[in-house]
Structure formats: C-alpha cells, structure tokens
Amino acid sequence: MGIGSVTEAPASVFVRAFDAVDHPVYVIGADGTIELANRATGELLGIPPGDLLGRRCHEVFHERPDFIEECPFRRSCLSGHRESTVIRMGNQWFIASVDPLEDGGAVHSLSDITRLRETEAMLTGFLTETVLRLVRPAGVMAETLTDLAADLESGHLSADEVALVLRCEAAGLRGLSTTIRALEHAVASGVDGIPEDYRRFLLE
C-alpha cells in the first residue's frame, strides 16, 4: 500500500480511498510535519509515501528551512478556512489548497495546472502580438487612410479598390477579435476550481 503512517496504516475504506486519489493529498501537523501521504504524493516527489512521514512539508516540497512566503497553510491557520495559492515545482505548476483541521494541522492537496499555464503562455503571447497590431493603428491606420485618400485623389486607386482595401482591414480586425474570444473561452473552460484571483488574471 502506498500510504505510510507513523503507526501501522489501518486497513479501512477511508485509507484505501485516500490512497486511490489521483492527485497528491497529504496531512500535516501544526508544525508542518507530514503525518500521512497518499501514493500520488510519493509519485510526484519520487519518494515512497512512508519515507515522507515526520519530514517538514516545506523541506520536502520547496527545499526550504521554513514556510514559503505565500504558503496557504500559514494563511489557513489565521483564517480558519480553506486557502489556496499557485506554486511551481520544477516544470510543473500546481494549485496548492489547504483545509485546516481542528488540531491545528491541515489536509494539503495539489492540483496540476501545468497545461493551463502553457495555454496561458500561448494566450499571453498571442494577445501581446495582437495588442501590438491593434495599438499600432493609432499611427499606422491614420497613415494608411491618408495614403488611400491620396491614391484615390490621384487616380492610382479607384473608389472600388479603396473600398476593397478597407473591407480587408476590417475583416482582419474581426478575425483577431474572433480568435481572442475563442482563446478566452478555451481558458475559461479549464479554470474551474482554481483561485478566483488567478482566474480573473487569466481572463482579464
């Protein structure tokens, strides 16, 4: 069995269900010491769950002698409620959530959002390029319209040709808007359950 405990792990439905959860879940004491860990926690760290017991959470996950500044466990101790934050471990990103227990400890869980962050990076890159293309018209569009007017007056372009150019410009802008909305929808559909402040950041 993947679960390790300071005492012999009880053969109960609860323990088997806890061990079967497909994302890291572990119980920590009031001082941050790991008291119980499921199989997924051990797989993430490459350490048998039983070998995690008695070790401090921040030492194992962050290689730090003390809690990290954004630690949700410290916040939950003060608020008495569930707290979450986004953390990075190597090349992976997680939502770290903590549910406080009456004895001062907590249940700590990690949800992998690496693919979401990759989508965010793609969206950010695309939006940056898009903004540059949309902001640029403040100068470029005025120049384009001036050139079109000059070409129309000089006879280099006919009224129909000028109208065609303007329709192409409008179609390009509509296409960008459609793509942005599609990307925002893709991100929105995958952010259920993440901290609200992070969700707002992705969709702003």
N, C-alpha and C. Protein backbone atom coordinates (compact mmCIF):
# COMPACT_ATOMS: atom_id res chain seq x y z
N MET A 1 0.84 -1.20 0.00
CA MET A 1 0.00 0.00 0.00
C MET A 1 0.87 1.24 0.00
N GLY A 2 0.49 2.25 -0.75
CA GLY A 2 1.31 3.43 -0.91
C GLY A 2 1.33 4.33 0.31
N ILE A 3 0.31 4.26 1.15
CA ILE A 3 0.22 5.17 2.29
C ILE A 3 1.20 4.75 3.37
N GLY A 4 1.84 5.74 3.96
CA GLY A 4 2.67 5.49 5.11
C GLY A 4 2.11 6.25 6.28
N SER A 5 2.25 5.72 7.49
CA SER A 5 1.75 6.40 8.67
C SER A 5 2.71 6.14 9.82
N VAL A 6 2.73 7.04 10.79
CA VAL A 6 3.62 6.86 11.93
C VAL A 6 3.28 5.56 12.63
N THR A 7 2.03 5.23 12.72
CA THR A 7 1.61 3.94 13.25
C THR A 7 1.19 3.08 12.08
N GLU A 8 0.90 1.83 12.31
CA GLU A 8 0.51 0.92 11.24
C GLU A 8 -0.77 1.45 10.56
N ALA A 9 -0.73 1.55 9.23
CA ALA A 9 -1.86 2.10 8.48
C ALA A 9 -3.07 1.19 8.65
N PRO A 10 -4.22 1.76 9.04
CA PRO A 10 -5.43 0.96 9.22
C PRO A 10 -5.97 0.49 7.88
N ALA A 11 -6.39 -0.77 7.80
CA ALA A 11 -6.96 -1.32 6.57
C ALA A 11 -8.43 -0.94 6.53
N SER A 12 -8.72 0.30 6.12
CA SER A 12 -10.09 0.78 6.10
C SER A 12 -10.43 1.32 4.73
N VAL A 13 -11.70 1.46 4.49
CA VAL A 13 -12.16 2.01 3.22
C VAL A 13 -11.62 3.42 3.05
N PHE A 14 -11.61 4.19 4.13
CA PHE A 14 -11.14 5.57 4.05
C PHE A 14 -9.70 5.62 3.58
N VAL A 15 -8.84 4.80 4.17
CA VAL A 15 -7.43 4.83 3.83
C VAL A 15 -7.22 4.38 2.40
N ARG A 16 -7.93 3.36 1.96
CA ARG A 16 -7.79 2.89 0.58
C ARG A 16 -8.27 3.95 -0.40
N ALA A 17 -9.36 4.63 -0.05
CA ALA A 17 -9.87 5.70 -0.92
C ALA A 17 -8.88 6.86 -0.97
N PHE A 18 -8.32 7.20 0.17
CA PHE A 18 -7.32 8.28 0.26
C PHE A 18 -6.12 7.97 -0.63
N ASP A 19 -5.69 6.73 -0.59
CA ASP A 19 -4.54 6.32 -1.36
C ASP A 19 -4.85 6.27 -2.85
N ALA A 20 -6.13 6.11 -3.21
CA ALA A 20 -6.52 5.99 -4.62
C ALA A 20 -6.72 7.33 -5.30
N VAL A 21 -6.75 8.43 -4.54
CA VAL A 21 -6.92 9.76 -5.14
C VAL A 21 -5.78 10.00 -6.12
N ASP A 22 -6.12 10.47 -7.32
CA ASP A 22 -5.10 10.56 -8.38
C ASP A 22 -4.24 11.81 -8.33
N HIS A 23 -4.43 12.68 -7.34
CA HIS A 23 -3.55 13.83 -7.19
C HIS A 23 -2.99 13.85 -5.77
N PRO A 24 -1.85 14.49 -5.55
CA PRO A 24 -1.22 14.48 -4.23
C PRO A 24 -2.11 15.05 -3.13
N VAL A 25 -2.28 14.26 -2.08
CA VAL A 25 -3.01 14.69 -0.89
C VAL A 25 -2.22 14.18 0.32
N TYR A 26 -2.02 15.05 1.28
CA TYR A 26 -1.29 14.62 2.47
C TYR A 26 -1.76 15.43 3.68
N VAL A 27 -1.55 14.87 4.85
CA VAL A 27 -1.97 15.50 6.11
C VAL A 27 -0.72 16.00 6.82
N ILE A 28 -0.76 17.25 7.27
CA ILE A 28 0.36 17.80 8.02
C ILE A 28 -0.08 18.23 9.40
N GLY A 29 0.86 18.18 10.34
CA GLY A 29 0.59 18.61 11.69
C GLY A 29 0.71 20.12 11.81
N ALA A 30 0.51 20.63 13.02
CA ALA A 30 0.53 22.07 13.25
C ALA A 30 1.88 22.69 12.94
N ASP A 31 2.94 21.89 13.00
CA ASP A 31 4.28 22.41 12.71
C ASP A 31 4.70 22.16 11.26
N GLY A 32 3.78 21.65 10.44
CA GLY A 32 4.09 21.38 9.04
C GLY A 32 4.68 20.02 8.79
N THR A 33 4.73 19.17 9.81
CA THR A 33 5.27 17.82 9.65
C THR A 33 4.26 16.92 8.93
N ILE A 34 4.71 16.19 7.95
CA ILE A 34 3.84 15.28 7.19
C ILE A 34 3.50 14.07 8.05
N GLU A 35 2.21 13.83 8.24
CA GLU A 35 1.74 12.73 9.08
C GLU A 35 1.15 11.59 8.25
N LEU A 36 0.69 11.91 7.05
CA LEU A 36 0.06 10.90 6.20
C LEU A 36 0.16 11.39 4.76
N ALA A 37 0.45 10.49 3.83
CA ALA A 37 0.58 10.91 2.44
C ALA A 37 0.06 9.80 1.53
N ASN A 38 -0.61 10.19 0.46
CA ASN A 38 -1.12 9.17 -0.46
C ASN A 38 -0.08 8.81 -1.52
N ARG A 39 -0.40 7.83 -2.32
CA ARG A 39 0.54 7.32 -3.32
C ARG A 39 0.95 8.41 -4.32
N ALA A 40 -0.01 9.25 -4.75
CA ALA A 40 0.29 10.28 -5.74
C ALA A 40 1.32 11.28 -5.21
N THR A 41 1.32 11.53 -3.91
CA THR A 41 2.32 12.43 -3.33
C THR A 41 3.71 11.85 -3.48
N GLY A 42 3.82 10.56 -3.17
CA GLY A 42 5.12 9.89 -3.32
C GLY A 42 5.58 9.86 -4.76
N GLU A 43 4.64 9.63 -5.69
CA GLU A 43 5.00 9.58 -7.11
C GLU A 43 5.48 10.94 -7.61
N LEU A 44 4.86 12.02 -7.14
CA LEU A 44 5.28 13.35 -7.54
C LEU A 44 6.71 13.64 -7.10
N LEU A 45 7.03 13.23 -5.89
CA LEU A 45 8.34 13.53 -5.32
C LEU A 45 9.38 12.46 -5.62
N GLY A 46 8.92 11.30 -6.09
CA GLY A 46 9.85 10.20 -6.32
C GLY A 46 10.33 9.59 -5.02
N ILE A 47 9.50 9.67 -3.99
CA ILE A 47 9.84 9.17 -2.66
C ILE A 47 8.69 8.29 -2.16
N PRO A 48 8.95 7.11 -1.62
CA PRO A 48 7.86 6.30 -1.06
C PRO A 48 7.11 7.11 0.00
N PRO A 49 5.78 7.07 -0.02
CA PRO A 49 5.00 7.86 0.94
C PRO A 49 5.43 7.66 2.39
N GLY A 50 5.78 6.43 2.75
CA GLY A 50 6.19 6.17 4.13
C GLY A 50 7.44 6.92 4.52
N ASP A 51 8.32 7.22 3.54
CA ASP A 51 9.56 7.93 3.83
C ASP A 51 9.35 9.43 4.02
N LEU A 52 8.15 9.89 3.72
CA LEU A 52 7.85 11.32 3.88
C LEU A 52 7.43 11.66 5.31
N LEU A 53 7.02 10.65 6.03
CA LEU A 53 6.46 10.89 7.37
C LEU A 53 7.51 11.45 8.32
N GLY A 54 7.10 12.45 9.09
CA GLY A 54 7.99 13.08 10.04
C GLY A 54 8.84 14.18 9.45
N ARG A 55 8.75 14.37 8.15
CA ARG A 55 9.53 15.42 7.49
C ARG A 55 8.65 16.66 7.30
N ARG A 56 9.26 17.83 7.31
CA ARG A 56 8.51 19.07 7.15
C ARG A 56 8.10 19.26 5.69
N CYS A 57 6.88 19.73 5.51
CA CYS A 57 6.32 19.95 4.18
C CYS A 57 7.21 20.88 3.34
N HIS A 58 7.61 22.01 3.93
CA HIS A 58 8.40 22.98 3.17
C HIS A 58 9.79 22.47 2.83
N GLU A 59 10.32 21.56 3.64
CA GLU A 59 11.63 20.99 3.35
C GLU A 59 11.55 20.02 2.17
N VAL A 60 10.46 19.26 2.14
CA VAL A 60 10.30 18.24 1.10
C VAL A 60 9.93 18.87 -0.24
N PHE A 61 8.96 19.77 -0.22
CA PHE A 61 8.42 20.32 -1.46
C PHE A 61 9.19 21.53 -1.99
N HIS A 62 9.78 22.31 -1.10
CA HIS A 62 10.42 23.55 -1.54
C HIS A 62 11.91 23.63 -1.19
N GLU A 63 12.40 22.62 -0.49
CA GLU A 63 13.80 22.61 -0.07
C GLU A 63 14.14 23.90 0.68
N ARG A 64 13.24 24.28 1.55
CA ARG A 64 13.40 25.49 2.35
C ARG A 64 13.36 25.13 3.83
N PRO A 65 14.11 25.85 4.67
CA PRO A 65 14.11 25.56 6.11
C PRO A 65 12.86 26.06 6.83
N ASP A 66 12.07 26.89 6.12
CA ASP A 66 10.86 27.44 6.74
C ASP A 66 9.77 27.55 5.67
N PHE A 67 8.56 27.88 6.11
CA PHE A 67 7.44 28.01 5.18
C PHE A 67 7.72 29.09 4.15
N ILE A 68 7.29 28.86 2.91
CA ILE A 68 7.44 29.88 1.88
C ILE A 68 6.48 31.03 2.18
N GLU A 69 6.78 32.19 1.66
CA GLU A 69 6.01 33.39 1.99
C GLU A 69 4.53 33.25 1.63
N GLU A 70 4.25 32.64 0.46
CA GLU A 70 2.87 32.52 0.01
C GLU A 70 2.18 31.25 0.49
N CYS A 71 2.75 30.58 1.49
CA CYS A 71 2.23 29.30 1.98
C CYS A 71 0.74 29.39 2.38
N PRO A 72 -0.12 28.58 1.76
CA PRO A 72 -1.55 28.62 2.10
C PRO A 72 -1.82 28.04 3.49
N PHE A 73 -0.91 27.19 4.00
CA PHE A 73 -1.10 26.62 5.33
C PHE A 73 -1.04 27.71 6.39
N ARG A 74 -0.09 28.60 6.27
CA ARG A 74 0.02 29.70 7.24
C ARG A 74 -1.22 30.59 7.20
N ARG A 75 -1.72 30.83 5.98
CA ARG A 75 -2.91 31.67 5.85
C ARG A 75 -4.13 30.96 6.44
N SER A 76 -4.23 29.65 6.22
CA SER A 76 -5.40 28.92 6.73
C SER A 76 -5.39 28.86 8.26
N CYS A 77 -4.19 28.85 8.85
CA CYS A 77 -4.09 28.85 10.31
C CYS A 77 -4.67 30.15 10.88
N LEU A 78 -4.51 31.23 10.13
CA LEU A 78 -5.02 32.53 10.59
C LEU A 78 -6.50 32.69 10.28
N SER A 79 -6.92 32.23 9.10
CA SER A 79 -8.31 32.44 8.69
C SER A 79 -9.25 31.37 9.20
N GLY A 80 -8.71 30.17 9.43
CA GLY A 80 -9.57 29.06 9.84
C GLY A 80 -10.37 28.48 8.70
N HIS A 81 -10.03 28.88 7.48
CA HIS A 81 -10.76 28.41 6.30
C HIS A 81 -9.79 27.88 5.24
N ARG A 82 -10.37 27.29 4.21
CA ARG A 82 -9.59 26.78 3.09
C ARG A 82 -8.85 27.93 2.41
N GLU A 83 -7.58 27.72 2.12
CA GLU A 83 -6.76 28.70 1.42
C GLU A 83 -6.04 28.02 0.27
N SER A 84 -5.81 28.76 -0.81
CA SER A 84 -5.14 28.20 -1.98
C SER A 84 -4.15 29.20 -2.55
N THR A 85 -3.17 28.67 -3.27
CA THR A 85 -2.22 29.51 -3.98
C THR A 85 -1.67 28.71 -5.15
N VAL A 86 -1.00 29.38 -6.07
CA VAL A 86 -0.38 28.72 -7.22
C VAL A 86 1.12 28.62 -6.97
N ILE A 87 1.68 27.42 -7.12
CA ILE A 87 3.11 27.21 -6.89
C ILE A 87 3.72 26.49 -8.08
N ARG A 88 5.02 26.63 -8.20
CA ARG A 88 5.75 25.93 -9.26
C ARG A 88 6.74 24.96 -8.65
N MET A 89 6.77 23.75 -9.19
CA MET A 89 7.73 22.75 -8.78
C MET A 89 8.39 22.20 -10.03
N GLY A 90 9.64 22.58 -10.26
CA GLY A 90 10.31 22.16 -11.49
C GLY A 90 9.62 22.75 -12.69
N ASN A 91 9.19 21.87 -13.60
CA ASN A 91 8.49 22.32 -14.80
C ASN A 91 6.98 22.23 -14.65
N GLN A 92 6.51 21.91 -13.46
CA GLN A 92 5.07 21.76 -13.24
C GLN A 92 4.53 22.89 -12.37
N TRP A 93 3.25 23.21 -12.64
CA TRP A 93 2.53 24.21 -11.86
C TRP A 93 1.35 23.54 -11.17
N PHE A 94 1.10 23.96 -9.92
CA PHE A 94 0.02 23.37 -9.13
C PHE A 94 -0.78 24.44 -8.40
N ILE A 95 -2.04 24.11 -8.14
CA ILE A 95 -2.82 24.86 -7.16
C ILE A 95 -2.67 24.11 -5.86
N ALA A 96 -2.07 24.75 -4.88
CA ALA A 96 -1.90 24.15 -3.56
C ALA A 96 -3.05 24.63 -2.67
N SER A 97 -3.86 23.69 -2.20
CA SER A 97 -5.01 24.03 -1.36
C SER A 97 -4.85 23.39 0.02
N VAL A 98 -5.25 24.11 1.02
CA VAL A 98 -5.12 23.64 2.40
C VAL A 98 -6.45 23.79 3.12
N ASP A 99 -6.90 22.70 3.74
CA ASP A 99 -8.12 22.71 4.56
C ASP A 99 -7.70 22.45 6.01
N PRO A 100 -7.89 23.45 6.90
CA PRO A 100 -7.43 23.30 8.28
C PRO A 100 -8.23 22.26 9.06
N LEU A 101 -7.53 21.61 10.00
CA LEU A 101 -8.15 20.63 10.90
C LEU A 101 -8.22 21.23 12.30
N GLU A 102 -9.08 20.66 13.11
CA GLU A 102 -9.30 21.21 14.46
C GLU A 102 -8.06 21.13 15.34
N ASP A 103 -7.17 20.16 15.07
CA ASP A 103 -5.99 20.00 15.93
C ASP A 103 -4.85 20.93 15.54
N GLY A 104 -5.09 21.82 14.59
CA GLY A 104 -4.04 22.74 14.17
C GLY A 104 -3.31 22.31 12.92
N GLY A 105 -3.54 21.06 12.51
CA GLY A 105 -2.94 20.56 11.28
C GLY A 105 -3.82 20.90 10.09
N ALA A 106 -3.60 20.22 8.98
CA ALA A 106 -4.38 20.51 7.78
C ALA A 106 -4.26 19.39 6.76
N VAL A 107 -5.23 19.35 5.85
CA VAL A 107 -5.15 18.46 4.70
C VAL A 107 -4.67 19.30 3.53
N HIS A 108 -3.58 18.88 2.95
CA HIS A 108 -2.93 19.63 1.87
C HIS A 108 -3.12 18.86 0.56
N SER A 109 -3.53 19.53 -0.50
CA SER A 109 -3.71 18.86 -1.78
C SER A 109 -3.10 19.71 -2.90
N LEU A 110 -2.68 19.03 -3.97
CA LEU A 110 -2.07 19.70 -5.12
C LEU A 110 -2.81 19.30 -6.39
N SER A 111 -3.21 20.28 -7.18
CA SER A 111 -3.88 20.02 -8.46
C SER A 111 -3.00 20.56 -9.58
N ASP A 112 -2.63 19.68 -10.50
CA ASP A 112 -1.72 20.03 -11.59
C ASP A 112 -2.41 20.95 -12.60
N ILE A 113 -1.87 22.14 -12.81
CA ILE A 113 -2.43 23.08 -13.79
C ILE A 113 -1.37 23.44 -14.84
N THR A 114 -0.43 22.54 -15.05
CA THR A 114 0.66 22.80 -15.99
C THR A 114 0.13 23.10 -17.38
N ARG A 115 -0.82 22.29 -17.86
CA ARG A 115 -1.37 22.52 -19.20
C ARG A 115 -2.09 23.86 -19.28
N LEU A 116 -2.74 24.23 -18.19
CA LEU A 116 -3.42 25.53 -18.15
C LEU A 116 -2.41 26.67 -18.25
N ARG A 117 -1.28 26.55 -17.54
CA ARG A 117 -0.27 27.58 -17.61
C ARG A 117 0.34 27.66 -19.01
N GLU A 118 0.50 26.50 -19.67
CA GLU A 118 1.01 26.51 -21.03
C GLU A 118 0.04 27.22 -21.96
N THR A 119 -1.26 26.98 -21.74
CA THR A 119 -2.28 27.67 -22.54
C THR A 119 -2.24 29.16 -22.26
N GLU A 120 -2.05 29.51 -20.99
CA GLU A 120 -1.95 30.92 -20.60
C GLU A 120 -0.78 31.59 -21.30
N ALA A 121 0.39 30.88 -21.35
CA ALA A 121 1.56 31.45 -22.00
C ALA A 121 1.30 31.67 -23.49
N MET A 122 0.63 30.68 -24.11
CA MET A 122 0.30 30.82 -25.52
C MET A 122 -0.64 32.00 -25.73
N LEU A 123 -1.64 32.10 -24.85
CA LEU A 123 -2.62 33.19 -24.97
C LEU A 123 -1.95 34.54 -24.75
N THR A 124 -1.06 34.60 -23.74
CA THR A 124 -0.38 35.85 -23.46
C THR A 124 0.46 36.30 -24.64
N GLY A 125 1.19 35.33 -25.24
CA GLY A 125 2.00 35.66 -26.40
C GLY A 125 1.15 36.14 -27.56
N PHE A 126 0.03 35.47 -27.78
CA PHE A 126 -0.84 35.85 -28.87
C PHE A 126 -1.45 37.23 -28.63
N LEU A 127 -1.90 37.44 -27.39
CA LEU A 127 -2.52 38.73 -27.08
C LEU A 127 -1.53 39.88 -27.16
N THR A 128 -0.27 39.59 -26.77
CA THR A 128 0.76 40.63 -26.88
C THR A 128 0.94 41.04 -28.34
N GLU A 129 1.03 40.04 -29.19
CA GLU A 129 1.17 40.33 -30.62
C GLU A 129 -0.06 41.05 -31.16
N THR A 130 -1.23 40.59 -30.67
CA THR A 130 -2.49 41.20 -31.13
C THR A 130 -2.60 42.64 -30.70
N VAL A 131 -2.24 42.90 -29.44
CA VAL A 131 -2.30 44.27 -28.92
C VAL A 131 -1.39 45.18 -29.74
N LEU A 132 -0.20 44.66 -30.07
CA LEU A 132 0.72 45.47 -30.88
C LEU A 132 0.11 45.79 -32.24
N ARG A 133 -0.63 44.82 -32.76
CA ARG A 133 -1.25 45.04 -34.07
C ARG A 133 -2.47 45.95 -33.98
N LEU A 134 -3.11 45.92 -32.80
CA LEU A 134 -4.30 46.76 -32.64
C LEU A 134 -3.98 48.17 -32.16
N VAL A 135 -2.88 48.27 -31.37
CA VAL A 135 -2.48 49.59 -30.89
C VAL A 135 -1.80 50.36 -32.01
N ARG A 136 -1.05 49.64 -32.82
CA ARG A 136 -0.32 50.26 -33.90
C ARG A 136 -1.19 51.13 -34.82
N PRO A 137 -2.46 50.75 -35.07
CA PRO A 137 -3.27 51.58 -35.96
C PRO A 137 -3.43 53.03 -35.54
N ALA A 138 -3.16 53.35 -34.28
CA ALA A 138 -3.24 54.75 -33.87
C ALA A 138 -2.40 55.61 -34.79
N GLY A 139 -1.24 55.10 -35.21
CA GLY A 139 -0.43 55.85 -36.14
C GLY A 139 -0.51 55.29 -37.55
N VAL A 140 -0.42 53.96 -37.62
CA VAL A 140 -0.37 53.31 -38.93
C VAL A 140 -1.69 53.43 -39.68
N MET A 141 -2.80 53.27 -38.96
CA MET A 141 -4.10 53.35 -39.63
C MET A 141 -4.32 54.75 -40.23
N ALA A 142 -3.91 55.76 -39.45
CA ALA A 142 -4.05 57.13 -39.96
C ALA A 142 -3.21 57.31 -41.22
N GLU A 143 -2.00 56.74 -41.20
CA GLU A 143 -1.12 56.82 -42.37
C GLU A 143 -1.72 56.06 -43.56
N THR A 144 -2.30 54.87 -43.25
CA THR A 144 -2.93 54.07 -44.31
C THR A 144 -4.10 54.82 -44.95
N LEU A 145 -4.93 55.42 -44.11
CA LEU A 145 -6.08 56.17 -44.63
C LEU A 145 -5.64 57.38 -45.46
N THR A 146 -4.56 58.04 -44.99
CA THR A 146 -4.03 59.18 -45.73
C THR A 146 -3.53 58.74 -47.11
N ASP A 147 -2.82 57.59 -47.13
CA ASP A 147 -2.32 57.07 -48.40
C ASP A 147 -3.46 56.68 -49.34
N LEU A 148 -4.49 56.06 -48.77
CA LEU A 148 -5.63 55.66 -49.59
C LEU A 148 -6.32 56.89 -50.20
N ALA A 149 -6.46 57.92 -49.36
CA ALA A 149 -7.09 59.15 -49.84
C ALA A 149 -6.27 59.77 -50.98
N ALA A 150 -4.94 59.75 -50.79
CA ALA A 150 -4.07 60.32 -51.82
C ALA A 150 -4.15 59.51 -53.12
N ASP A 151 -4.16 58.16 -52.96
CA ASP A 151 -4.26 57.30 -54.14
C ASP A 151 -5.59 57.48 -54.85
N LEU A 152 -6.64 57.70 -54.06
CA LEU A 152 -7.96 57.91 -54.65
C LEU A 152 -8.00 59.23 -55.41
N GLU A 153 -7.44 60.28 -54.79
CA GLU A 153 -7.44 61.59 -55.43
C GLU A 153 -6.56 61.62 -56.68
N SER A 154 -5.44 60.88 -56.63
CA SER A 154 -4.53 60.89 -57.78
C SER A 154 -4.96 59.95 -58.89
N GLY A 155 -5.94 59.11 -58.57
CA GLY A 155 -6.40 58.16 -59.58
C GLY A 155 -5.65 56.85 -59.60
N HIS A 156 -4.68 56.68 -58.68
CA HIS A 156 -3.95 55.41 -58.63
C HIS A 156 -4.85 54.26 -58.22
N LEU A 157 -5.85 54.57 -57.40
CA LEU A 157 -6.83 53.56 -56.99
C LEU A 157 -8.22 54.09 -57.26
N SER A 158 -9.08 53.18 -57.65
CA SER A 158 -10.48 53.57 -57.85
C SER A 158 -11.21 53.50 -56.52
N ALA A 159 -12.41 54.05 -56.48
CA ALA A 159 -13.22 54.01 -55.26
C ALA A 159 -13.50 52.57 -54.85
N ASP A 160 -13.72 51.67 -55.81
CA ASP A 160 -13.98 50.26 -55.51
C ASP A 160 -12.75 49.60 -54.90
N GLU A 161 -11.57 49.97 -55.42
CA GLU A 161 -10.33 49.38 -54.89
C GLU A 161 -10.07 49.86 -53.46
N VAL A 162 -10.33 51.14 -53.20
CA VAL A 162 -10.18 51.66 -51.85
C VAL A 162 -11.15 50.95 -50.90
N ALA A 163 -12.38 50.77 -51.35
CA ALA A 163 -13.38 50.08 -50.53
C ALA A 163 -12.94 48.66 -50.22
N LEU A 164 -12.34 47.98 -51.20
CA LEU A 164 -11.86 46.61 -51.00
C LEU A 164 -10.76 46.57 -49.95
N VAL A 165 -9.81 47.53 -50.01
CA VAL A 165 -8.74 47.58 -49.02
C VAL A 165 -9.32 47.77 -47.62
N LEU A 166 -10.28 48.67 -47.49
CA LEU A 166 -10.88 48.92 -46.18
C LEU A 166 -11.64 47.71 -45.66
N ARG A 167 -12.31 46.99 -46.57
CA ARG A 167 -13.02 45.77 -46.14
C ARG A 167 -12.03 44.71 -45.66
N CYS A 168 -10.89 44.61 -46.32
CA CYS A 168 -9.86 43.65 -45.90
C CYS A 168 -9.32 43.99 -44.51
N GLU A 169 -9.09 45.28 -44.28
CA GLU A 169 -8.61 45.72 -42.96
C GLU A 169 -9.64 45.37 -41.88
N ALA A 170 -10.91 45.64 -42.17
CA ALA A 170 -11.98 45.35 -41.21
C ALA A 170 -12.08 43.86 -40.95
N ALA A 171 -11.96 43.06 -42.01
CA ALA A 171 -12.05 41.60 -41.86
C ALA A 171 -10.91 41.09 -40.99
N GLY A 172 -9.72 41.68 -41.16
CA GLY A 172 -8.58 41.26 -40.35
C GLY A 172 -8.81 41.54 -38.88
N LEU A 173 -9.34 42.70 -38.56
CA LEU A 173 -9.63 43.05 -37.17
C LEU A 173 -10.70 42.14 -36.58
N ARG A 174 -11.75 41.85 -37.39
CA ARG A 174 -12.79 40.94 -36.91
C ARG A 174 -12.22 39.55 -36.65
N GLY A 175 -11.30 39.12 -37.53
CA GLY A 175 -10.69 37.82 -37.34
C GLY A 175 -9.89 37.73 -36.05
N LEU A 176 -9.16 38.81 -35.73
CA LEU A 176 -8.41 38.86 -34.49
C LEU A 176 -9.34 38.80 -33.29
N SER A 177 -10.43 39.53 -33.36
CA SER A 177 -11.39 39.55 -32.25
C SER A 177 -11.99 38.16 -32.05
N THR A 178 -12.32 37.49 -33.13
CA THR A 178 -12.90 36.14 -33.04
C THR A 178 -11.90 35.18 -32.41
N THR A 179 -10.64 35.27 -32.82
CA THR A 179 -9.62 34.38 -32.28
C THR A 179 -9.40 34.63 -30.79
N ILE A 180 -9.39 35.90 -30.40
CA ILE A 180 -9.23 36.24 -28.99
C ILE A 180 -10.37 35.64 -28.16
N ARG A 181 -11.59 35.79 -28.65
CA ARG A 181 -12.74 35.25 -27.91
C ARG A 181 -12.64 33.73 -27.80
N ALA A 182 -12.19 33.07 -28.87
CA ALA A 182 -12.07 31.62 -28.85
C ALA A 182 -11.02 31.17 -27.83
N LEU A 183 -9.90 31.88 -27.77
CA LEU A 183 -8.86 31.54 -26.81
C LEU A 183 -9.33 31.80 -25.38
N GLU A 184 -10.03 32.90 -25.17
CA GLU A 184 -10.55 33.19 -23.83
C GLU A 184 -11.52 32.11 -23.39
N HIS A 185 -12.35 31.64 -24.32
CA HIS A 185 -13.30 30.57 -24.00
C HIS A 185 -12.56 29.29 -23.63
N ALA A 186 -11.49 28.99 -24.37
CA ALA A 186 -10.71 27.78 -24.10
C ALA A 186 -10.10 27.83 -22.71
N VAL A 187 -9.58 29.00 -22.32
CA VAL A 187 -9.00 29.15 -21.00
C VAL A 187 -10.08 29.09 -19.93
N ALA A 188 -11.20 29.78 -20.17
CA ALA A 188 -12.28 29.83 -19.18
C ALA A 188 -12.81 28.44 -18.88
N SER A 189 -12.88 27.58 -19.89
CA SER A 189 -13.45 26.25 -19.69
C SER A 189 -12.53 25.34 -18.89
N GLY A 190 -11.28 25.77 -18.70
CA GLY A 190 -10.35 24.91 -17.99
C GLY A 190 -9.89 25.44 -16.66
N VAL A 191 -10.52 26.49 -16.15
CA VAL A 191 -10.05 27.09 -14.90
C VAL A 191 -11.02 26.90 -13.74
N ASP A 192 -11.99 26.03 -13.89
CA ASP A 192 -12.90 25.78 -12.78
C ASP A 192 -12.13 25.24 -11.59
N GLY A 193 -12.40 25.78 -10.43
CA GLY A 193 -11.79 25.27 -9.21
C GLY A 193 -10.48 25.93 -8.83
N ILE A 194 -9.96 26.84 -9.66
CA ILE A 194 -8.72 27.49 -9.29
C ILE A 194 -9.04 28.77 -8.52
N PRO A 195 -8.07 29.33 -7.79
CA PRO A 195 -8.34 30.54 -7.00
C PRO A 195 -8.94 31.64 -7.86
N GLU A 196 -9.91 32.35 -7.32
CA GLU A 196 -10.64 33.35 -8.09
C GLU A 196 -9.73 34.46 -8.59
N ASP A 197 -8.73 34.86 -7.76
CA ASP A 197 -7.85 35.93 -8.22
C ASP A 197 -7.02 35.49 -9.43
N TYR A 198 -6.63 34.22 -9.45
CA TYR A 198 -5.86 33.72 -10.59
C TYR A 198 -6.75 33.57 -11.81
N ARG A 199 -7.99 33.14 -11.57
CA ARG A 199 -8.94 33.01 -12.67
C ARG A 199 -9.17 34.37 -13.33
N ARG A 200 -9.34 35.42 -12.52
CA ARG A 200 -9.54 36.76 -13.07
C ARG A 200 -8.32 37.20 -13.85
N PHE A 201 -7.11 36.86 -13.34
CA PHE A 201 -5.90 37.24 -14.06
C PHE A 201 -5.84 36.63 -15.45
N LEU A 202 -6.25 35.37 -15.56
CA LEU A 202 -6.22 34.70 -16.85
C LEU A 202 -7.20 35.30 -17.85
N LEU A 203 -8.33 35.80 -17.33
CA LEU A 203 -9.37 36.24 -18.23
C LEU A 203 -9.41 37.75 -18.41
N GLU A 204 -8.52 38.47 -17.74
CA GLU A 204 -8.51 39.92 -17.90
C GLU A 204 -8.02 40.30 -19.30
